[in-house]
Amino acid sequence: MKKLMIMLMVGLLVVGSSAVYAVGEDSDVETSAVSLTIPHAAKLVISQSASSKTLVQDSDAETDFDTGYTDLDAGKPNLKVSANKNWVLSAKSSGFATVGTYDKLVGDLQLLHTGSYVAGGFDSFTGLALIDQSIATNAIGVKNENYDCQYRILLDYTKDVPGEYTATVTYTLATQS
């Protein structure tokens, strides 16, 4: 009986406190607005950007002149592209620095692009120009897409005098509106 009485009192206490809580319930509801504006975003990272070669007399120099060109190392440079919408990757050359009195043609520096989304015929060696040429394009965004490139320099016994031929290639990644 004593046990029953204790259980009855505990039950009333629980029910009573629940009733008090229900009667005294109060709450507030508020909202919060979240907004994020995302701009066009494009990131181009160039690794292994320097590419050079020295032709050896009585060896590859004659062979390359006979062939009409010399190829520099494949995979140099490597371009890593990230963009959050449709984009274009372009390249242009500064042209070769004058060697003596000889001005080597800008287009004698050729580029091969061995990646996805190739544009402008750069899936085979194509001469660069002083103005931007589209080398890759895509209608959607990409993340960390790698593009291995390779340079080729055309050679001509009748024009190319001994010396060091240097040029700068500028790559530009741009999103499109």
N, C-alpha and C. Protein backbone atom coordinates (compact mmCIF):
# COMPACT_ATOMS: atom_id res chain seq x y z
N MET A 1 0.83 -1.18 0.00
CA MET A 1 0.00 0.00 0.00
C MET A 1 0.87 1.25 0.00
N LYS A 2 1.90 1.17 0.79
CA LYS A 2 2.83 2.28 0.85
C LYS A 2 3.47 2.51 -0.53
N LYS A 3 3.78 1.38 -1.21
CA LYS A 3 4.36 1.46 -2.54
C LYS A 3 3.39 2.10 -3.51
N LEU A 4 2.16 1.75 -3.42
CA LEU A 4 1.13 2.28 -4.29
C LEU A 4 0.96 3.77 -4.06
N MET A 5 1.02 4.16 -2.82
CA MET A 5 0.88 5.57 -2.46
C MET A 5 2.04 6.39 -3.04
N ILE A 6 3.25 5.87 -2.97
CA ILE A 6 4.43 6.57 -3.50
C ILE A 6 4.32 6.68 -5.01
N MET A 7 3.89 5.62 -5.66
CA MET A 7 3.76 5.65 -7.11
C MET A 7 2.68 6.64 -7.53
N LEU A 8 1.63 6.73 -6.77
CA LEU A 8 0.56 7.66 -7.05
C LEU A 8 1.05 9.10 -6.93
N MET A 9 1.82 9.37 -5.89
CA MET A 9 2.36 10.72 -5.68
C MET A 9 3.34 11.09 -6.79
N VAL A 10 4.21 10.14 -7.17
CA VAL A 10 5.16 10.40 -8.26
C VAL A 10 4.40 10.67 -9.55
N GLY A 11 3.39 9.91 -9.83
CA GLY A 11 2.56 10.10 -11.02
C GLY A 11 1.91 11.46 -11.04
N LEU A 12 1.36 11.90 -9.92
CA LEU A 12 0.74 13.22 -9.84
C LEU A 12 1.77 14.33 -10.04
N LEU A 13 2.95 14.12 -9.47
CA LEU A 13 4.01 15.11 -9.61
C LEU A 13 4.39 15.27 -11.09
N VAL A 14 4.55 14.15 -11.76
CA VAL A 14 4.91 14.19 -13.18
C VAL A 14 3.81 14.83 -13.99
N VAL A 15 2.57 14.43 -13.79
CA VAL A 15 1.44 14.99 -14.52
C VAL A 15 1.28 16.45 -14.17
N GLY A 16 1.42 16.79 -12.92
CA GLY A 16 1.27 18.18 -12.47
C GLY A 16 2.34 19.08 -13.08
N SER A 17 3.57 18.59 -13.10
CA SER A 17 4.63 19.43 -13.67
C SER A 17 4.46 19.56 -15.16
N SER A 18 3.98 18.53 -15.85
CA SER A 18 3.72 18.61 -17.28
C SER A 18 2.62 19.61 -17.56
N ALA A 19 1.62 19.59 -16.73
CA ALA A 19 0.50 20.51 -16.91
C ALA A 19 0.97 21.94 -16.69
N VAL A 20 1.82 22.13 -15.72
CA VAL A 20 2.33 23.47 -15.45
C VAL A 20 3.18 23.94 -16.62
N TYR A 21 4.00 23.02 -17.15
CA TYR A 21 4.85 23.37 -18.28
C TYR A 21 3.99 23.73 -19.48
N ALA A 22 2.98 22.95 -19.76
CA ALA A 22 2.12 23.20 -20.90
C ALA A 22 1.39 24.52 -20.75
N VAL A 23 0.97 24.85 -19.58
CA VAL A 23 0.24 26.09 -19.34
C VAL A 23 1.21 27.27 -19.46
N GLY A 24 2.45 27.08 -19.01
CA GLY A 24 3.40 28.18 -19.01
C GLY A 24 4.27 28.24 -20.25
N GLU A 25 3.97 27.49 -21.33
CA GLU A 25 4.81 27.43 -22.53
C GLU A 25 4.83 28.78 -23.23
N ASP A 26 6.04 29.19 -23.67
CA ASP A 26 6.21 30.44 -24.41
C ASP A 26 7.35 30.22 -25.40
N SER A 27 7.22 30.69 -26.60
CA SER A 27 8.30 30.57 -27.57
C SER A 27 8.23 31.72 -28.56
N ASP A 28 9.39 32.03 -29.09
CA ASP A 28 9.49 33.04 -30.15
C ASP A 28 10.13 32.38 -31.36
N VAL A 29 9.72 32.78 -32.53
CA VAL A 29 10.29 32.26 -33.76
C VAL A 29 10.78 33.44 -34.58
N GLU A 30 12.02 33.37 -34.98
CA GLU A 30 12.61 34.40 -35.84
C GLU A 30 13.24 33.71 -37.04
N THR A 31 13.46 34.46 -38.12
CA THR A 31 14.10 33.90 -39.31
C THR A 31 15.37 34.68 -39.61
N SER A 32 16.24 34.08 -40.37
CA SER A 32 17.49 34.70 -40.78
C SER A 32 17.67 34.46 -42.27
N ALA A 33 17.98 35.49 -43.01
CA ALA A 33 18.20 35.36 -44.45
C ALA A 33 19.69 35.14 -44.71
N VAL A 34 20.01 34.24 -45.61
CA VAL A 34 21.39 33.94 -45.99
C VAL A 34 21.53 34.24 -47.47
N SER A 35 22.58 34.96 -47.82
CA SER A 35 22.79 35.32 -49.21
C SER A 35 24.28 35.22 -49.54
N LEU A 36 24.59 34.70 -50.70
CA LEU A 36 25.96 34.61 -51.17
C LEU A 36 25.96 34.97 -52.65
N THR A 37 26.76 35.94 -53.03
CA THR A 37 26.91 36.31 -54.43
C THR A 37 28.25 35.75 -54.92
N ILE A 38 28.19 34.91 -55.93
CA ILE A 38 29.40 34.28 -56.46
C ILE A 38 29.74 34.94 -57.79
N PRO A 39 30.95 35.45 -57.92
CA PRO A 39 31.36 36.07 -59.19
C PRO A 39 31.89 35.02 -60.17
N HIS A 40 32.19 35.45 -61.38
CA HIS A 40 32.92 34.59 -62.31
C HIS A 40 34.25 34.30 -61.64
N ALA A 41 34.69 33.05 -61.65
CA ALA A 41 35.97 32.69 -61.03
C ALA A 41 36.76 31.83 -61.99
N ALA A 42 38.02 32.20 -62.19
CA ALA A 42 38.91 31.45 -63.06
C ALA A 42 40.30 31.45 -62.44
N LYS A 43 40.93 30.27 -62.45
CA LYS A 43 42.27 30.14 -61.89
C LYS A 43 43.12 29.33 -62.85
N LEU A 44 44.27 29.89 -63.21
CA LEU A 44 45.21 29.24 -64.11
C LEU A 44 46.54 29.11 -63.37
N VAL A 45 47.04 27.88 -63.30
CA VAL A 45 48.33 27.62 -62.66
C VAL A 45 49.23 26.98 -63.70
N ILE A 46 50.43 27.57 -63.87
CA ILE A 46 51.38 27.03 -64.83
C ILE A 46 52.53 26.39 -64.05
N SER A 47 52.77 25.12 -64.34
CA SER A 47 53.94 24.47 -63.76
C SER A 47 54.87 24.05 -64.90
N GLN A 48 56.12 23.89 -64.55
CA GLN A 48 57.15 23.58 -65.55
C GLN A 48 57.09 24.58 -66.70
N SER A 49 57.07 25.85 -66.31
CA SER A 49 56.85 26.90 -67.31
C SER A 49 58.06 27.15 -68.22
N ALA A 50 59.26 26.87 -67.74
CA ALA A 50 60.45 27.12 -68.56
C ALA A 50 60.73 25.90 -69.44
N SER A 51 61.00 26.15 -70.69
CA SER A 51 61.32 25.09 -71.62
C SER A 51 62.46 25.57 -72.49
N SER A 52 63.55 24.82 -72.49
CA SER A 52 64.70 25.25 -73.30
C SER A 52 65.43 24.04 -73.85
N LYS A 53 66.21 24.29 -74.86
CA LYS A 53 67.00 23.23 -75.49
C LYS A 53 68.22 23.87 -76.14
N THR A 54 69.32 23.18 -76.07
CA THR A 54 70.53 23.61 -76.76
C THR A 54 70.85 22.57 -77.81
N LEU A 55 70.89 23.00 -79.06
CA LEU A 55 71.23 22.08 -80.15
C LEU A 55 72.73 21.84 -80.13
N VAL A 56 73.12 20.59 -80.31
CA VAL A 56 74.53 20.21 -80.26
C VAL A 56 75.07 20.12 -81.69
N GLN A 57 76.18 20.84 -81.92
CA GLN A 57 76.82 20.84 -83.23
C GLN A 57 77.29 19.43 -83.58
N ASP A 58 77.18 19.06 -84.84
CA ASP A 58 77.56 17.74 -85.34
C ASP A 58 76.74 16.62 -84.70
N SER A 59 75.55 16.95 -84.26
CA SER A 59 74.66 15.94 -83.66
C SER A 59 73.23 16.31 -84.02
N ASP A 60 72.45 16.71 -83.00
CA ASP A 60 71.04 17.00 -83.26
C ASP A 60 70.82 18.31 -84.01
N ALA A 61 71.79 19.22 -84.02
CA ALA A 61 71.61 20.49 -84.74
C ALA A 61 71.36 20.22 -86.23
N GLU A 62 72.22 19.44 -86.84
CA GLU A 62 72.08 19.15 -88.26
C GLU A 62 70.82 18.34 -88.54
N THR A 63 70.55 17.35 -87.68
CA THR A 63 69.36 16.52 -87.86
C THR A 63 68.10 17.38 -87.78
N ASP A 64 68.04 18.27 -86.78
CA ASP A 64 66.85 19.11 -86.62
C ASP A 64 66.71 20.12 -87.75
N PHE A 65 67.83 20.69 -88.22
CA PHE A 65 67.74 21.61 -89.36
C PHE A 65 67.26 20.86 -90.60
N ASP A 66 67.73 19.64 -90.80
CA ASP A 66 67.29 18.85 -91.94
C ASP A 66 65.79 18.55 -91.85
N THR A 67 65.31 18.28 -90.63
CA THR A 67 63.89 18.01 -90.41
C THR A 67 63.06 19.29 -90.55
N GLY A 68 63.67 20.43 -90.21
CA GLY A 68 62.98 21.71 -90.32
C GLY A 68 62.42 22.21 -89.00
N TYR A 69 62.68 21.49 -87.91
CA TYR A 69 62.19 21.92 -86.60
C TYR A 69 62.91 21.17 -85.50
N THR A 70 62.77 21.69 -84.29
CA THR A 70 63.20 20.98 -83.09
C THR A 70 62.05 21.02 -82.09
N ASP A 71 61.82 19.88 -81.45
CA ASP A 71 60.77 19.79 -80.43
C ASP A 71 61.40 19.96 -79.06
N LEU A 72 60.76 20.76 -78.23
CA LEU A 72 61.18 20.89 -76.85
C LEU A 72 60.45 19.83 -76.02
N ASP A 73 60.75 19.74 -74.73
CA ASP A 73 60.19 18.68 -73.88
C ASP A 73 58.67 18.68 -73.86
N ALA A 74 58.10 17.49 -74.00
CA ALA A 74 56.65 17.32 -73.89
C ALA A 74 56.23 17.57 -72.44
N GLY A 75 55.05 18.14 -72.26
CA GLY A 75 54.53 18.41 -70.91
C GLY A 75 55.04 19.70 -70.30
N LYS A 76 55.76 20.47 -71.09
CA LYS A 76 56.26 21.76 -70.61
C LYS A 76 55.75 22.84 -71.55
N PRO A 77 54.92 23.70 -71.08
CA PRO A 77 54.44 23.79 -69.71
C PRO A 77 53.22 22.90 -69.49
N ASN A 78 52.86 22.77 -68.21
CA ASN A 78 51.61 22.12 -67.83
C ASN A 78 50.69 23.20 -67.30
N LEU A 79 49.48 23.26 -67.82
CA LEU A 79 48.51 24.27 -67.42
C LEU A 79 47.39 23.59 -66.63
N LYS A 80 47.07 24.14 -65.46
CA LYS A 80 45.97 23.61 -64.65
C LYS A 80 44.87 24.66 -64.64
N VAL A 81 43.69 24.26 -65.12
CA VAL A 81 42.57 25.18 -65.32
C VAL A 81 41.44 24.86 -64.34
N SER A 82 40.94 25.90 -63.69
CA SER A 82 39.71 25.81 -62.88
C SER A 82 38.86 27.03 -63.22
N ALA A 83 37.59 26.81 -63.48
CA ALA A 83 36.67 27.91 -63.78
C ALA A 83 35.26 27.47 -63.40
N ASN A 84 34.45 28.42 -62.95
CA ASN A 84 33.11 28.06 -62.49
C ASN A 84 32.02 28.26 -63.54
N LYS A 85 32.41 28.50 -64.77
CA LYS A 85 31.44 28.59 -65.87
C LYS A 85 32.18 28.44 -67.18
N ASN A 86 31.51 28.65 -68.30
CA ASN A 86 32.16 28.49 -69.59
C ASN A 86 33.40 29.38 -69.66
N TRP A 87 34.43 28.86 -70.33
CA TRP A 87 35.73 29.54 -70.30
C TRP A 87 36.48 29.34 -71.61
N VAL A 88 37.51 30.19 -71.77
CA VAL A 88 38.42 30.11 -72.92
C VAL A 88 39.84 30.25 -72.40
N LEU A 89 40.73 29.38 -72.87
CA LEU A 89 42.16 29.47 -72.57
C LEU A 89 42.84 29.90 -73.85
N SER A 90 43.61 30.99 -73.77
CA SER A 90 44.28 31.48 -74.96
C SER A 90 45.78 31.62 -74.72
N ALA A 91 46.51 31.74 -75.83
CA ALA A 91 47.97 31.90 -75.76
C ALA A 91 48.41 32.89 -76.83
N LYS A 92 49.47 33.63 -76.49
CA LYS A 92 50.10 34.51 -77.48
C LYS A 92 51.59 34.56 -77.19
N SER A 93 52.37 34.90 -78.21
CA SER A 93 53.82 34.96 -78.08
C SER A 93 54.29 36.40 -78.20
N SER A 94 55.37 36.70 -77.50
CA SER A 94 55.98 38.03 -77.60
C SER A 94 56.77 38.16 -78.89
N GLY A 95 57.03 37.02 -79.52
CA GLY A 95 57.93 36.99 -80.66
C GLY A 95 59.34 36.78 -80.13
N PHE A 96 60.21 36.32 -80.98
CA PHE A 96 61.59 36.06 -80.58
C PHE A 96 62.37 37.36 -80.46
N ALA A 97 63.26 37.40 -79.49
CA ALA A 97 64.18 38.53 -79.38
C ALA A 97 65.11 38.49 -80.60
N THR A 98 65.48 39.65 -81.09
CA THR A 98 66.35 39.75 -82.25
C THR A 98 67.72 39.14 -81.93
N VAL A 99 68.22 38.33 -82.86
CA VAL A 99 69.55 37.74 -82.74
C VAL A 99 70.40 38.38 -83.83
N GLY A 100 71.38 39.19 -83.39
CA GLY A 100 72.16 39.97 -84.37
C GLY A 100 71.24 40.96 -85.03
N THR A 101 71.08 40.82 -86.34
CA THR A 101 70.13 41.68 -87.07
C THR A 101 68.93 40.88 -87.56
N TYR A 102 68.86 39.60 -87.16
CA TYR A 102 67.81 38.71 -87.66
C TYR A 102 66.62 38.68 -86.72
N ASP A 103 65.44 38.90 -87.29
CA ASP A 103 64.17 38.78 -86.56
C ASP A 103 63.47 37.50 -87.00
N LYS A 104 63.50 36.50 -86.13
CA LYS A 104 62.84 35.23 -86.42
C LYS A 104 61.33 35.43 -86.38
N LEU A 105 60.62 34.78 -87.27
CA LEU A 105 59.17 34.92 -87.34
C LEU A 105 58.49 34.44 -86.05
N VAL A 106 57.47 35.17 -85.63
CA VAL A 106 56.70 34.81 -84.43
C VAL A 106 56.12 33.41 -84.58
N GLY A 107 55.56 33.11 -85.75
CA GLY A 107 54.91 31.83 -86.01
C GLY A 107 55.86 30.64 -86.05
N ASP A 108 57.19 30.91 -86.03
CA ASP A 108 58.14 29.81 -85.97
C ASP A 108 58.11 29.11 -84.61
N LEU A 109 57.48 29.76 -83.62
CA LEU A 109 57.25 29.11 -82.33
C LEU A 109 55.86 28.49 -82.39
N GLN A 110 55.82 27.18 -82.31
CA GLN A 110 54.55 26.47 -82.41
C GLN A 110 54.20 25.82 -81.08
N LEU A 111 52.91 25.59 -80.89
CA LEU A 111 52.40 25.01 -79.66
C LEU A 111 51.51 23.82 -79.98
N LEU A 112 51.64 22.78 -79.18
CA LEU A 112 50.77 21.61 -79.23
C LEU A 112 50.12 21.50 -77.87
N HIS A 113 48.81 21.29 -77.86
CA HIS A 113 48.04 21.17 -76.61
C HIS A 113 47.44 19.77 -76.59
N THR A 114 47.83 18.97 -75.59
CA THR A 114 47.39 17.58 -75.54
C THR A 114 46.43 17.35 -74.39
N GLY A 115 45.35 18.10 -74.36
CA GLY A 115 44.36 17.93 -73.30
C GLY A 115 42.97 17.89 -73.90
N SER A 116 41.99 18.04 -73.04
CA SER A 116 40.60 18.05 -73.48
C SER A 116 40.22 19.44 -73.98
N TYR A 117 39.11 19.52 -74.67
CA TYR A 117 38.50 20.78 -75.08
C TYR A 117 39.42 21.63 -75.96
N VAL A 118 40.22 21.00 -76.82
CA VAL A 118 41.16 21.70 -77.68
C VAL A 118 40.40 22.58 -78.66
N ALA A 119 40.96 23.75 -78.92
CA ALA A 119 40.36 24.68 -79.88
C ALA A 119 41.45 25.21 -80.80
N GLY A 120 41.04 25.80 -81.90
CA GLY A 120 41.96 26.52 -82.77
C GLY A 120 43.00 25.67 -83.47
N GLY A 121 42.78 24.36 -83.54
CA GLY A 121 43.72 23.50 -84.25
C GLY A 121 44.96 23.15 -83.46
N PHE A 122 44.99 23.45 -82.18
CA PHE A 122 46.19 23.23 -81.37
C PHE A 122 46.34 21.77 -80.92
N ASP A 123 45.53 20.86 -81.49
CA ASP A 123 45.75 19.44 -81.23
C ASP A 123 46.88 18.91 -82.11
N SER A 124 47.39 19.77 -82.99
CA SER A 124 48.64 19.52 -83.71
C SER A 124 49.44 20.82 -83.60
N PHE A 125 50.73 20.75 -83.87
CA PHE A 125 51.57 21.94 -83.71
C PHE A 125 51.04 23.08 -84.58
N THR A 126 50.80 24.22 -83.94
CA THR A 126 50.25 25.40 -84.61
C THR A 126 51.07 26.62 -84.21
N GLY A 127 51.39 27.47 -85.17
CA GLY A 127 52.18 28.67 -84.91
C GLY A 127 51.45 29.65 -84.01
N LEU A 128 52.19 30.21 -83.05
CA LEU A 128 51.63 31.24 -82.18
C LEU A 128 51.69 32.59 -82.88
N ALA A 129 50.99 33.57 -82.34
CA ALA A 129 50.93 34.91 -82.91
C ALA A 129 51.11 35.94 -81.80
N LEU A 130 51.20 37.20 -82.18
CA LEU A 130 51.33 38.29 -81.21
C LEU A 130 50.02 38.58 -80.49
N ILE A 131 48.92 38.06 -81.02
CA ILE A 131 47.60 38.27 -80.40
C ILE A 131 47.10 36.93 -79.84
N ASP A 132 46.18 37.02 -78.87
CA ASP A 132 45.63 35.81 -78.26
C ASP A 132 44.96 34.92 -79.28
N GLN A 133 45.24 33.63 -79.16
CA GLN A 133 44.59 32.59 -79.97
C GLN A 133 43.98 31.59 -78.99
N SER A 134 42.75 31.22 -79.22
CA SER A 134 42.07 30.25 -78.36
C SER A 134 42.71 28.88 -78.56
N ILE A 135 43.19 28.28 -77.44
CA ILE A 135 43.78 26.95 -77.54
C ILE A 135 42.90 25.89 -76.88
N ALA A 136 41.97 26.32 -76.01
CA ALA A 136 41.03 25.39 -75.38
C ALA A 136 39.80 26.18 -74.94
N THR A 137 38.66 25.52 -74.97
CA THR A 137 37.42 26.17 -74.56
C THR A 137 36.45 25.10 -74.07
N ASN A 138 35.57 25.50 -73.16
CA ASN A 138 34.56 24.57 -72.66
C ASN A 138 33.31 25.35 -72.28
N ALA A 139 32.16 24.75 -72.46
CA ALA A 139 30.88 25.40 -72.18
C ALA A 139 30.45 25.27 -70.73
N ILE A 140 31.22 24.54 -69.93
CA ILE A 140 30.89 24.38 -68.50
C ILE A 140 32.15 24.59 -67.65
N GLY A 141 31.95 24.70 -66.36
CA GLY A 141 33.06 24.86 -65.45
C GLY A 141 33.84 23.57 -65.28
N VAL A 142 35.10 23.70 -64.86
CA VAL A 142 35.98 22.56 -64.60
C VAL A 142 36.81 22.86 -63.35
N LYS A 143 37.34 21.80 -62.75
CA LYS A 143 38.20 21.97 -61.58
C LYS A 143 39.49 21.19 -61.79
N ASN A 144 40.60 21.90 -61.74
CA ASN A 144 41.93 21.30 -61.82
C ASN A 144 42.13 20.42 -63.05
N GLU A 145 41.66 20.89 -64.20
CA GLU A 145 41.89 20.18 -65.47
C GLU A 145 43.34 20.45 -65.88
N ASN A 146 44.08 19.37 -66.18
CA ASN A 146 45.48 19.51 -66.58
C ASN A 146 45.61 19.50 -68.10
N TYR A 147 46.44 20.40 -68.60
CA TYR A 147 46.71 20.49 -70.03
C TYR A 147 48.21 20.50 -70.24
N ASP A 148 48.73 19.40 -70.77
CA ASP A 148 50.14 19.35 -71.11
C ASP A 148 50.32 19.99 -72.48
N CYS A 149 51.35 20.80 -72.58
CA CYS A 149 51.65 21.46 -73.85
C CYS A 149 53.08 21.10 -74.26
N GLN A 150 53.40 21.43 -75.48
CA GLN A 150 54.76 21.22 -75.98
C GLN A 150 55.04 22.28 -77.03
N TYR A 151 56.27 22.77 -77.02
CA TYR A 151 56.70 23.76 -78.00
C TYR A 151 57.52 23.09 -79.10
N ARG A 152 57.41 23.67 -80.29
CA ARG A 152 58.25 23.30 -81.43
C ARG A 152 58.75 24.60 -82.04
N ILE A 153 60.01 24.62 -82.44
CA ILE A 153 60.57 25.80 -83.10
C ILE A 153 61.02 25.38 -84.49
N LEU A 154 60.48 26.09 -85.48
CA LEU A 154 60.85 25.81 -86.87
C LEU A 154 62.27 26.31 -87.13
N LEU A 155 63.01 25.55 -87.93
CA LEU A 155 64.41 25.88 -88.24
C LEU A 155 64.60 26.00 -89.75
N ASP A 156 65.50 26.91 -90.14
CA ASP A 156 65.78 27.12 -91.56
C ASP A 156 67.26 27.47 -91.69
N TYR A 157 68.02 26.60 -92.39
CA TYR A 157 69.45 26.84 -92.60
C TYR A 157 69.72 28.22 -93.18
N THR A 158 68.83 28.69 -94.06
CA THR A 158 69.09 29.94 -94.79
C THR A 158 68.76 31.20 -93.98
N LYS A 159 68.10 31.04 -92.83
CA LYS A 159 67.68 32.22 -92.06
C LYS A 159 68.20 32.23 -90.63
N ASP A 160 68.18 31.10 -89.95
CA ASP A 160 68.47 31.06 -88.52
C ASP A 160 69.97 31.11 -88.25
N VAL A 161 70.43 32.30 -87.84
CA VAL A 161 71.85 32.51 -87.53
C VAL A 161 72.14 31.97 -86.13
N PRO A 162 73.41 31.64 -85.85
CA PRO A 162 73.75 31.16 -84.51
C PRO A 162 73.41 32.20 -83.45
N GLY A 163 72.92 31.73 -82.31
CA GLY A 163 72.56 32.61 -81.20
C GLY A 163 71.47 31.98 -80.35
N GLU A 164 71.07 32.69 -79.32
CA GLU A 164 70.01 32.20 -78.44
C GLU A 164 68.71 32.89 -78.81
N TYR A 165 67.70 32.10 -79.13
CA TYR A 165 66.39 32.61 -79.52
C TYR A 165 65.45 32.47 -78.32
N THR A 166 64.96 33.58 -77.82
CA THR A 166 64.07 33.56 -76.66
C THR A 166 62.76 34.26 -76.99
N ALA A 167 61.69 33.72 -76.42
CA ALA A 167 60.36 34.32 -76.58
C ALA A 167 59.59 34.06 -75.30
N THR A 168 58.60 34.89 -75.06
CA THR A 168 57.71 34.71 -73.91
C THR A 168 56.32 34.37 -74.43
N VAL A 169 55.73 33.34 -73.84
CA VAL A 169 54.36 32.96 -74.18
C VAL A 169 53.47 33.32 -73.00
N THR A 170 52.40 34.04 -73.29
CA THR A 170 51.45 34.46 -72.24
C THR A 170 50.16 33.66 -72.43
N TYR A 171 49.75 33.01 -71.34
CA TYR A 171 48.50 32.25 -71.34
C TYR A 171 47.46 33.03 -70.55
N THR A 172 46.23 33.07 -71.04
CA THR A 172 45.14 33.77 -70.38
C THR A 172 43.93 32.85 -70.28
N LEU A 173 43.38 32.74 -69.07
CA LEU A 173 42.15 31.99 -68.85
C LEU A 173 41.06 33.00 -68.52
N ALA A 174 39.98 32.96 -69.25
CA ALA A 174 38.88 33.92 -69.05
C ALA A 174 37.54 33.21 -69.09
N THR A 175 36.66 33.56 -68.15
CA THR A 175 35.29 33.07 -68.22
C THR A 175 34.53 33.93 -69.22
N GLN A 176 33.46 33.37 -69.75
CA GLN A 176 32.67 34.07 -70.75
C GLN A 176 31.32 34.46 -70.18
N SER A 177 30.81 35.62 -70.63
CA SER A 177 29.49 36.06 -70.14
C SER A 177 28.37 35.43 -70.92
